[in-house]
């Protein structure tokens, strides 16, 4: 099968990478594989005796996979869009995610984290660095905060372009995301926190005061030094504490 550039397809073929990814999945676990492509990772999962539900968006690839694995009854191939797919059972989720929609897929999975024990994803290195980013780095963003509020994250290893066909122009990375039972703060996170976060990071190179101007009732908070700081310099705990401070006073 030829990879389709329009779908961001790059097929993994390096067996050593396959085994390193498979080793990160805990047994017993029903696996949801996202973007099986030509089936290299699928094959590795099946060889390790996992049962696999494989989500594939490309209709041609679905037919290819059904033929390739026609005698394997531990594999269920589902033609679906992983950016919208609704889970209905408990999974370990794994996948070589298409570069062009990797963040959308991660958001969709995290929004259904109550069904998920663990996620292991191969993504563009730039995305992996954003996922694990800490304050005072250029990668740190509202996406970093969203993921880290709901999951314990780590980057496991980098994967060179030669591991794929066709070879992408960038390095990839494998990341592991383990959902918290509730959140990093052990309490449900209200949706308006993420609306606040968009405003907070509206222009990362400007001060928080400038970003929030017109969005909070009080125009000047004398003793809140955070307002004169740039968003990337403020840790998750401090951002959330500031949000709660404003929320309690009904200023957001």
C-alpha atoms as a PDB file:
ATOM      1  CA  UNK A   1       0.000   0.000   0.000  1.00  0.00           C
ATOM      2  CA  UNK A   2       1.167   3.502  -0.864  1.00  0.00           C
ATOM      3  CA  UNK A   3       1.112   6.056   1.946  1.00  0.00           C
ATOM      4  CA  UNK A   4      -1.204   9.014   1.335  1.00  0.00           C
ATOM      5  CA  UNK A   5       0.447  12.358   1.969  1.00  0.00           C
ATOM      6  CA  UNK A   6      -2.941  14.034   2.404  1.00  0.00           C
ATOM      7  CA  UNK A   7      -3.612  11.826   5.447  1.00  0.00           C
ATOM      8  CA  UNK A   8      -0.158  12.350   6.955  1.00  0.00           C
ATOM      9  CA  UNK A   9       0.668   8.652   6.580  1.00  0.00           C
ATOM     10  CA  UNK A  10       4.175   7.355   7.368  1.00  0.00           C
ATOM     11  CA  UNK A  11       4.264   3.603   7.887  1.00  0.00           C
ATOM     12  CA  UNK A  12       6.442   2.213  10.671  1.00  0.00           C
ATOM     13  CA  UNK A  13       8.620  -0.705   9.523  1.00  0.00           C
ATOM     14  CA  UNK A  14      11.438  -0.898  12.103  1.00  0.00           C
ATOM     15  CA  UNK A  15      10.779  -4.023  14.208  1.00  0.00           C
ATOM     16  CA  UNK A  16      12.964  -2.840  17.096  1.00  0.00           C
ATOM     17  CA  UNK A  17      10.756   0.241  17.467  1.00  0.00           C
ATOM     18  CA  UNK A  18       7.633  -1.941  17.291  1.00  0.00           C
ATOM     19  CA  UNK A  19       8.855  -4.130  20.163  1.00  0.00           C
ATOM     20  CA  UNK A  20       9.829  -1.139  22.299  1.00  0.00           C
ATOM     21  CA  UNK A  21       6.321   0.288  21.904  1.00  0.00           C
ATOM     22  CA  UNK A  22       4.586  -3.039  22.553  1.00  0.00           C
ATOM     23  CA  UNK A  23       6.655  -3.511  25.727  1.00  0.00           C
ATOM     24  CA  UNK A  24       5.052  -0.352  27.157  1.00  0.00           C
ATOM     25  CA  UNK A  25       1.556  -1.877  27.086  1.00  0.00           C
ATOM     26  CA  UNK A  26       0.524  -3.650  30.265  1.00  0.00           C
ATOM     27  CA  UNK A  27      -1.250  -6.993  30.361  1.00  0.00           C
ATOM     28  CA  UNK A  28      -4.060  -7.765  30.677  1.00  0.00           C
ATOM     29  CA  UNK A  29      -5.403  -4.976  28.508  1.00  0.00           C
ATOM     30  CA  UNK A  30      -7.671  -4.663  25.502  1.00  0.00           C
ATOM     31  CA  UNK A  31      -5.763  -2.474  23.038  1.00  0.00           C
ATOM     32  CA  UNK A  32      -7.222   0.289  20.918  1.00  0.00           C
ATOM     33  CA  UNK A  33      -4.732   0.953  18.124  1.00  0.00           C
ATOM     34  CA  UNK A  34      -5.120   4.262  16.318  1.00  0.00           C
ATOM     35  CA  UNK A  35      -3.902   4.482  12.727  1.00  0.00           C
ATOM     36  CA  UNK A  36      -2.614   0.924  12.151  1.00  0.00           C
ATOM     37  CA  UNK A  37      -1.497   1.834   8.625  1.00  0.00           C
ATOM     38  CA  UNK A  38       0.271  -1.136   7.018  1.00  0.00           C
ATOM     39  CA  UNK A  39      -0.051  -3.131  10.250  1.00  0.00           C
ATOM     40  CA  UNK A  40       3.523  -3.346  11.608  1.00  0.00           C
ATOM     41  CA  UNK A  41       2.536  -2.361  15.150  1.00  0.00           C
ATOM     42  CA  UNK A  42      -0.695  -4.365  14.854  1.00  0.00           C
ATOM     43  CA  UNK A  43       1.341  -7.451  14.048  1.00  0.00           C
ATOM     44  CA  UNK A  44       3.582  -6.882  17.065  1.00  0.00           C
ATOM     45  CA  UNK A  45       0.588  -6.500  19.386  1.00  0.00           C
ATOM     46  CA  UNK A  46      -1.027  -9.676  18.053  1.00  0.00           C
ATOM     47  CA  UNK A  47       2.241 -11.620  18.381  1.00  0.00           C
ATOM     48  CA  UNK A  48       2.267 -10.652  22.073  1.00  0.00           C
ATOM     49  CA  UNK A  49      -1.266 -12.035  22.317  1.00  0.00           C
ATOM     50  CA  UNK A  50      -3.137  -8.760  22.792  1.00  0.00           C
ATOM     51  CA  UNK A  51      -6.705  -8.421  21.535  1.00  0.00           C
ATOM     52  CA  UNK A  52      -6.838  -5.332  19.343  1.00  0.00           C
ATOM     53  CA  UNK A  53      -9.541  -2.955  18.131  1.00  0.00           C
ATOM     54  CA  UNK A  54      -7.838  -1.034  15.310  1.00  0.00           C
ATOM     55  CA  UNK A  55      -9.214   2.366  14.213  1.00  0.00           C
ATOM     56  CA  UNK A  56      -8.390   3.232  10.615  1.00  0.00           C
ATOM     57  CA  UNK A  57      -9.701   6.287   8.764  1.00  0.00           C
ATOM     58  CA  UNK A  58      -8.489   5.310   5.272  1.00  0.00           C
ATOM     59  CA  UNK A  59     -11.015   3.017   3.571  1.00  0.00           C
ATOM     60  CA  UNK A  60      -8.382   1.520   1.243  1.00  0.00           C
ATOM     61  CA  UNK A  61      -6.177   0.689   4.219  1.00  0.00           C
ATOM     62  CA  UNK A  62      -9.120  -0.933   6.012  1.00  0.00           C
ATOM     63  CA  UNK A  63      -9.541  -3.356   3.101  1.00  0.00           C
ATOM     64  CA  UNK A  64      -5.793  -4.020   3.007  1.00  0.00           C
ATOM     65  CA  UNK A  65      -5.694  -4.792   6.745  1.00  0.00           C
ATOM     66  CA  UNK A  66      -8.753  -7.037   6.595  1.00  0.00           C
ATOM     67  CA  UNK A  67      -7.052  -9.100   3.909  1.00  0.00           C
ATOM     68  CA  UNK A  68      -3.650  -9.128   5.648  1.00  0.00           C
ATOM     69  CA  UNK A  69      -5.076 -10.275   8.992  1.00  0.00           C
ATOM     70  CA  UNK A  70      -8.084 -12.241   7.721  1.00  0.00           C
ATOM     71  CA  UNK A  71      -7.222 -15.320   9.792  1.00  0.00           C
ATOM     72  CA  UNK A  72      -6.595 -13.521  13.083  1.00  0.00           C
ATOM     73  CA  UNK A  73      -9.634 -13.440  15.342  1.00  0.00           C
ATOM     74  CA  UNK A  74      -8.014 -11.243  18.001  1.00  0.00           C
ATOM     75  CA  UNK A  75      -8.190  -8.241  15.666  1.00  0.00           C
ATOM     76  CA  UNK A  76     -11.268  -6.091  15.068  1.00  0.00           C
ATOM     77  CA  UNK A  77     -10.754  -3.439  12.366  1.00  0.00           C
ATOM     78  CA  UNK A  78     -12.995  -0.375  12.649  1.00  0.00           C
ATOM     79  CA  UNK A  79     -13.288   2.239   9.927  1.00  0.00           C
ATOM     80  CA  UNK A  80     -13.569   5.479  11.911  1.00  0.00           C
ATOM     81  CA  UNK A  81     -12.177   8.946  12.529  1.00  0.00           C
ATOM     82  CA  UNK A  82     -10.082   8.875  15.724  1.00  0.00           C
ATOM     83  CA  UNK A  83     -10.545  12.632  16.237  1.00  0.00           C
ATOM     84  CA  UNK A  84     -14.242  11.950  16.913  1.00  0.00           C
ATOM     85  CA  UNK A  85     -14.494   8.297  17.869  1.00  0.00           C
ATOM     86  CA  UNK A  86     -16.493   7.567  21.038  1.00  0.00           C
ATOM     87  CA  UNK A  87     -15.176   4.875  23.351  1.00  0.00           C
ATOM     88  CA  UNK A  88     -17.523   2.392  25.007  1.00  0.00           C
ATOM     89  CA  UNK A  89     -15.114   0.066  26.820  1.00  0.00           C
ATOM     90  CA  UNK A  90     -11.861   0.132  28.777  1.00  0.00           C
ATOM     91  CA  UNK A  91      -8.641   0.277  26.723  1.00  0.00           C
ATOM     92  CA  UNK A  92      -4.929   0.764  26.612  1.00  0.00           C
ATOM     93  CA  UNK A  93      -4.570   3.088  23.625  1.00  0.00           C
ATOM     94  CA  UNK A  94      -1.576   2.944  21.309  1.00  0.00           C
ATOM     95  CA  UNK A  95      -0.766   4.374  17.907  1.00  0.00           C
ATOM     96  CA  UNK A  96       1.518   5.945  15.362  1.00  0.00           C
ATOM     97  CA  UNK A  97      -0.605   9.077  15.017  1.00  0.00           C
ATOM     98  CA  UNK A  98      -0.911  10.985  11.729  1.00  0.00           C
ATOM     99  CA  UNK A  99       1.101  14.183  12.196  1.00  0.00           C
ATOM    100  CA  UNK A 100      -1.608  16.475  10.869  1.00  0.00           C
ATOM    101  CA  UNK A 101      -4.267  15.455  13.437  1.00  0.00           C
ATOM    102  CA  UNK A 102      -2.219  14.117  16.362  1.00  0.00           C
ATOM    103  CA  UNK A 103      -3.257  16.860  18.811  1.00  0.00           C
ATOM    104  CA  UNK A 104      -6.954  16.471  17.926  1.00  0.00           C
ATOM    105  CA  UNK A 105      -6.747  12.725  18.535  1.00  0.00           C
ATOM    106  CA  UNK A 106      -4.995  13.217  21.880  1.00  0.00           C
ATOM    107  CA  UNK A 107      -7.626  15.742  22.994  1.00  0.00           C
ATOM    108  CA  UNK A 108     -10.440  13.356  22.000  1.00  0.00           C
ATOM    109  CA  UNK A 109      -8.859  10.501  23.954  1.00  0.00           C
ATOM    110  CA  UNK A 110      -8.156  12.613  27.045  1.00  0.00           C
ATOM    111  CA  UNK A 111     -11.768  13.811  27.033  1.00  0.00           C
ATOM    112  CA  UNK A 112     -12.711  10.120  27.421  1.00  0.00           C
ATOM    113  CA  UNK A 113      -9.959   9.232  29.877  1.00  0.00           C
ATOM    114  CA  UNK A 114     -12.359   7.369  32.196  1.00  0.00           C
ATOM    115  CA  UNK A 115     -12.218   4.553  29.593  1.00  0.00           C
ATOM    116  CA  UNK A 116      -8.417   4.582  29.331  1.00  0.00           C
ATOM    117  CA  UNK A 117      -5.729   2.915  31.460  1.00  0.00           C
ATOM    118  CA  UNK A 118      -2.743   4.181  29.484  1.00  0.00           C
ATOM    119  CA  UNK A 119      -1.890   5.863  26.168  1.00  0.00           C
ATOM    120  CA  UNK A 120       1.310   5.257  24.193  1.00  0.00           C
ATOM    121  CA  UNK A 121       1.607   7.440  21.101  1.00  0.00           C
ATOM    122  CA  UNK A 122       4.205   8.059  18.443  1.00  0.00           C
ATOM    123  CA  UNK A 123       4.028  11.715  17.423  1.00  0.00           C
ATOM    124  CA  UNK A 124       6.217  14.342  15.830  1.00  0.00           C
ATOM    125  CA  UNK A 125       9.044  15.220  18.240  1.00  0.00           C
ATOM    126  CA  UNK A 126       7.836  18.825  18.339  1.00  0.00           C
ATOM    127  CA  UNK A 127       4.440  17.659  19.632  1.00  0.00           C
ATOM    128  CA  UNK A 128       6.075  15.338  22.192  1.00  0.00           C
ATOM    129  CA  UNK A 129       8.225  18.201  23.460  1.00  0.00           C
ATOM    130  CA  UNK A 130       5.076  20.323  23.856  1.00  0.00           C
ATOM    131  CA  UNK A 131       3.281  17.554  25.752  1.00  0.00           C
ATOM    132  CA  UNK A 132       6.042  17.256  28.367  1.00  0.00           C
ATOM    133  CA  UNK A 133       7.048  20.948  28.383  1.00  0.00           C
ATOM    134  CA  UNK A 134       7.758  22.733  31.647  1.00  0.00           C
ATOM    135  CA  UNK A 135       7.490  26.481  32.430  1.00  0.00           C
ATOM    136  CA  UNK A 136      10.189  28.828  31.099  1.00  0.00           C
ATOM    137  CA  UNK A 137      10.581  26.841  27.866  1.00  0.00           C
ATOM    138  CA  UNK A 138       9.393  27.875  24.406  1.00  0.00           C
ATOM    139  CA  UNK A 139       7.427  24.603  24.046  1.00  0.00           C
ATOM    140  CA  UNK A 140       5.270  25.252  27.138  1.00  0.00           C
ATOM    141  CA  UNK A 141       1.723  26.123  26.056  1.00  0.00           C
ATOM    142  CA  UNK A 142      -1.951  25.739  26.857  1.00  0.00           C
ATOM    143  CA  UNK A 143      -1.794  22.300  25.162  1.00  0.00           C
ATOM    144  CA  UNK A 144       1.002  21.244  27.556  1.00  0.00           C
ATOM    145  CA  UNK A 145      -1.185  22.313  30.476  1.00  0.00           C
ATOM    146  CA  UNK A 146      -4.305  20.565  29.152  1.00  0.00           C
ATOM    147  CA  UNK A 147      -2.479  17.241  28.785  1.00  0.00           C
ATOM    148  CA  UNK A 148      -0.585  17.503  32.083  1.00  0.00           C
ATOM    149  CA  UNK A 149      -3.700  18.404  34.078  1.00  0.00           C
ATOM    150  CA  UNK A 150      -5.305  15.101  33.080  1.00  0.00           C
ATOM    151  CA  UNK A 151      -2.325  12.772  32.597  1.00  0.00           C
ATOM    152  CA  UNK A 152       1.048  11.910  34.030  1.00  0.00           C
ATOM    153  CA  UNK A 153       3.326  12.292  31.009  1.00  0.00           C
ATOM    154  CA  UNK A 154       6.786  11.234  29.911  1.00  0.00           C
ATOM    155  CA  UNK A 155       8.749  11.017  26.683  1.00  0.00           C
ATOM    156  CA  UNK A 156      10.110   7.490  26.348  1.00  0.00           C
ATOM    157  CA  UNK A 157      12.374   7.621  23.269  1.00  0.00           C
ATOM    158  CA  UNK A 158      12.956   9.319  19.926  1.00  0.00           C
ATOM    159  CA  UNK A 159      12.505   7.559  16.585  1.00  0.00           C
ATOM    160  CA  UNK A 160      14.547   8.496  13.533  1.00  0.00           C
ATOM    161  CA  UNK A 161      12.947   9.055  10.125  1.00  0.00           C
ATOM    162  CA  UNK A 162      14.560   5.887   8.727  1.00  0.00           C
ATOM    163  CA  UNK A 163      12.129   3.792  10.824  1.00  0.00           C
ATOM    164  CA  UNK A 164       9.284   4.817   8.479  1.00  0.00           C
ATOM    165  CA  UNK A 165       8.276   4.423   4.843  1.00  0.00           C
ATOM    166  CA  UNK A 166       8.151   6.952   3.379  1.00  0.00           C
ATOM    167  CA  UNK A 167      10.652   8.633   5.702  1.00  0.00           C
ATOM    168  CA  UNK A 168       9.245  11.867   7.157  1.00  0.00           C
ATOM    169  CA  UNK A 169      11.323  15.035   7.247  1.00  0.00           C
ATOM    170  CA  UNK A 170      11.192  15.168  11.042  1.00  0.00           C
ATOM    171  CA  UNK A 171      12.146  13.054  14.049  1.00  0.00           C
ATOM    172  CA  UNK A 172       9.319  11.309  15.920  1.00  0.00           C
ATOM    173  CA  UNK A 173       8.982  10.513  19.618  1.00  0.00           C
ATOM    174  CA  UNK A 174       7.077   7.974  21.686  1.00  0.00           C
ATOM    175  CA  UNK A 175       5.202   9.439  24.634  1.00  0.00           C
ATOM    176  CA  UNK A 176       3.367   7.727  27.476  1.00  0.00           C
ATOM    177  CA  UNK A 177       0.271   9.309  29.035  1.00  0.00           C
ATOM    178  CA  UNK A 178      -1.296   7.761  32.145  1.00  0.00           C
ATOM    179  CA  UNK A 179      -4.618   9.409  33.076  1.00  0.00           C
ATOM    180  CA  UNK A 180      -5.181  10.637  36.627  1.00  0.00           C
ATOM    181  CA  UNK A 181      -8.331   9.332  38.318  1.00  0.00           C
ATOM    182  CA  UNK A 182      -9.742  12.867  38.339  1.00  0.00           C
ATOM    183  CA  UNK A 183      -7.079  15.453  37.583  1.00  0.00           C
ATOM    184  CA  UNK A 184      -3.697  16.742  38.729  1.00  0.00           C
ATOM    185  CA  UNK A 185      -5.597  18.722  41.393  1.00  0.00           C
ATOM    186  CA  UNK A 186      -7.767  15.799  42.538  1.00  0.00           C
ATOM    187  CA  UNK A 187     -10.900  17.688  41.600  1.00  0.00           C
ATOM    188  CA  UNK A 188     -13.007  18.056  38.428  1.00  0.00           C
ATOM    189  CA  UNK A 189     -11.828  20.844  36.116  1.00  0.00           C
ATOM    190  CA  UNK A 190     -14.514  23.250  34.948  1.00  0.00           C
ATOM    191  CA  UNK A 191     -14.687  23.939  31.221  1.00  0.00           C
ATOM    192  CA  UNK A 192     -14.355  27.671  31.754  1.00  0.00           C
ATOM    193  CA  UNK A 193     -10.813  27.104  33.077  1.00  0.00           C
ATOM    194  CA  UNK A 194      -9.776  26.175  29.544  1.00  0.00           C
ATOM    195  CA  UNK A 195     -11.533  29.242  28.154  1.00  0.00           C
ATOM    196  CA  UNK A 196      -9.548  31.272  30.681  1.00  0.00           C
ATOM    197  CA  UNK A 197      -6.372  29.477  29.592  1.00  0.00           C
ATOM    198  CA  UNK A 198      -6.926  30.525  25.957  1.00  0.00           C
ATOM    199  CA  UNK A 199      -7.041  34.162  27.055  1.00  0.00           C
ATOM    200  CA  UNK A 200      -4.096  33.681  29.423  1.00  0.00           C
ATOM    201  CA  UNK A 201      -1.932  32.387  26.531  1.00  0.00           C
ATOM    202  CA  UNK A 202      -3.500  34.560  23.813  1.00  0.00           C
ATOM    203  CA  UNK A 203      -0.148  36.227  23.041  1.00  0.00           C
ATOM    204  CA  UNK A 204       2.614  34.272  24.820  1.00  0.00           C
ATOM    205  CA  UNK A 205       5.210  37.026  24.367  1.00  0.00           C
ATOM    206  CA  UNK A 206       3.033  39.672  26.029  1.00  0.00           C
ATOM    207  CA  UNK A 207       2.277  40.007  29.733  1.00  0.00           C
ATOM    208  CA  UNK A 208      -0.672  38.268  31.314  1.00  0.00           C
ATOM    209  CA  UNK A 209      -2.071  41.715  32.134  1.00  0.00           C
ATOM    210  CA  UNK A 210      -2.213  42.540  28.420  1.00  0.00           C
ATOM    211  CA  UNK A 211      -3.707  39.165  27.531  1.00  0.00           C
ATOM    212  CA  UNK A 212      -6.478  39.443  30.134  1.00  0.00           C
ATOM    213  CA  UNK A 213      -7.278  43.099  29.472  1.00  0.00           C
ATOM    214  CA  UNK A 214     -10.981  43.338  28.747  1.00  0.00           C
ATOM    215  CA  UNK A 215     -11.613  39.786  29.970  1.00  0.00           C
ATOM    216  CA  UNK A 216     -11.573  40.308  33.737  1.00  0.00           C
ATOM    217  CA  UNK A 217     -13.736  42.755  35.608  1.00  0.00           C
ATOM    218  CA  UNK A 218     -10.925  44.378  37.567  1.00  0.00           C
ATOM    219  CA  UNK A 219      -8.482  46.228  35.389  1.00  0.00           C
ATOM    220  CA  UNK A 220      -5.760  46.466  38.014  1.00  0.00           C
ATOM    221  CA  UNK A 221      -4.831  44.082  40.812  1.00  0.00           C
ATOM    222  CA  UNK A 222      -2.270  45.941  42.941  1.00  0.00           C
ATOM    223  CA  UNK A 223      -0.683  42.976  44.657  1.00  0.00           C
ATOM    224  CA  UNK A 224      -0.907  40.327  41.965  1.00  0.00           C
ATOM    225  CA  UNK A 225       2.556  40.268  40.448  1.00  0.00           C
ATOM    226  CA  UNK A 226       1.601  37.400  38.145  1.00  0.00           C
ATOM    227  CA  UNK A 227      -0.097  39.932  35.843  1.00  0.00           C
ATOM    228  CA  UNK A 228       3.227  41.448  34.823  1.00  0.00           C
ATOM    229  CA  UNK A 229       4.719  38.060  33.928  1.00  0.00           C
ATOM    230  CA  UNK A 230       4.662  36.309  30.534  1.00  0.00           C
ATOM    231  CA  UNK A 231       2.432  33.198  30.380  1.00  0.00           C
ATOM    232  CA  UNK A 232       5.248  30.711  29.701  1.00  0.00           C
ATOM    233  CA  UNK A 233       6.948  31.585  32.992  1.00  0.00           C
ATOM    234  CA  UNK A 234       4.009  30.489  35.175  1.00  0.00           C
ATOM    235  CA  UNK A 235       3.597  26.892  36.358  1.00  0.00           C
ATOM    236  CA  UNK A 236       0.365  24.908  36.134  1.00  0.00           C
ATOM    237  CA  UNK A 237      -0.308  25.026  39.879  1.00  0.00           C
ATOM    238  CA  UNK A 238       0.113  28.809  39.956  1.00  0.00           C
ATOM    239  CA  UNK A 239      -2.105  29.356  36.888  1.00  0.00           C
ATOM    240  CA  UNK A 240      -4.847  27.230  38.421  1.00  0.00           C
ATOM    241  CA  UNK A 241      -4.529  29.020  41.770  1.00  0.00           C
ATOM    242  CA  UNK A 242      -4.829  32.392  39.995  1.00  0.00           C
ATOM    243  CA  UNK A 243      -7.897  31.178  38.079  1.00  0.00           C
ATOM    244  CA  UNK A 244      -9.545  30.016  41.328  1.00  0.00           C
ATOM    245  CA  UNK A 245      -8.726  33.384  42.941  1.00  0.00           C
ATOM    246  CA  UNK A 246     -10.499  35.213  40.106  1.00  0.00           C
ATOM    247  CA  UNK A 247     -13.368  32.719  40.020  1.00  0.00           C
ATOM    248  CA  UNK A 248     -14.105  33.083  43.741  1.00  0.00           C
ATOM    249  CA  UNK A 249     -14.445  36.839  43.232  1.00  0.00           C
ATOM    250  CA  UNK A 250     -16.590  36.321  40.113  1.00  0.00           C
ATOM    251  CA  UNK A 251     -14.016  38.246  38.047  1.00  0.00           C
ATOM    252  CA  UNK A 252     -13.964  35.542  35.346  1.00  0.00           C
END
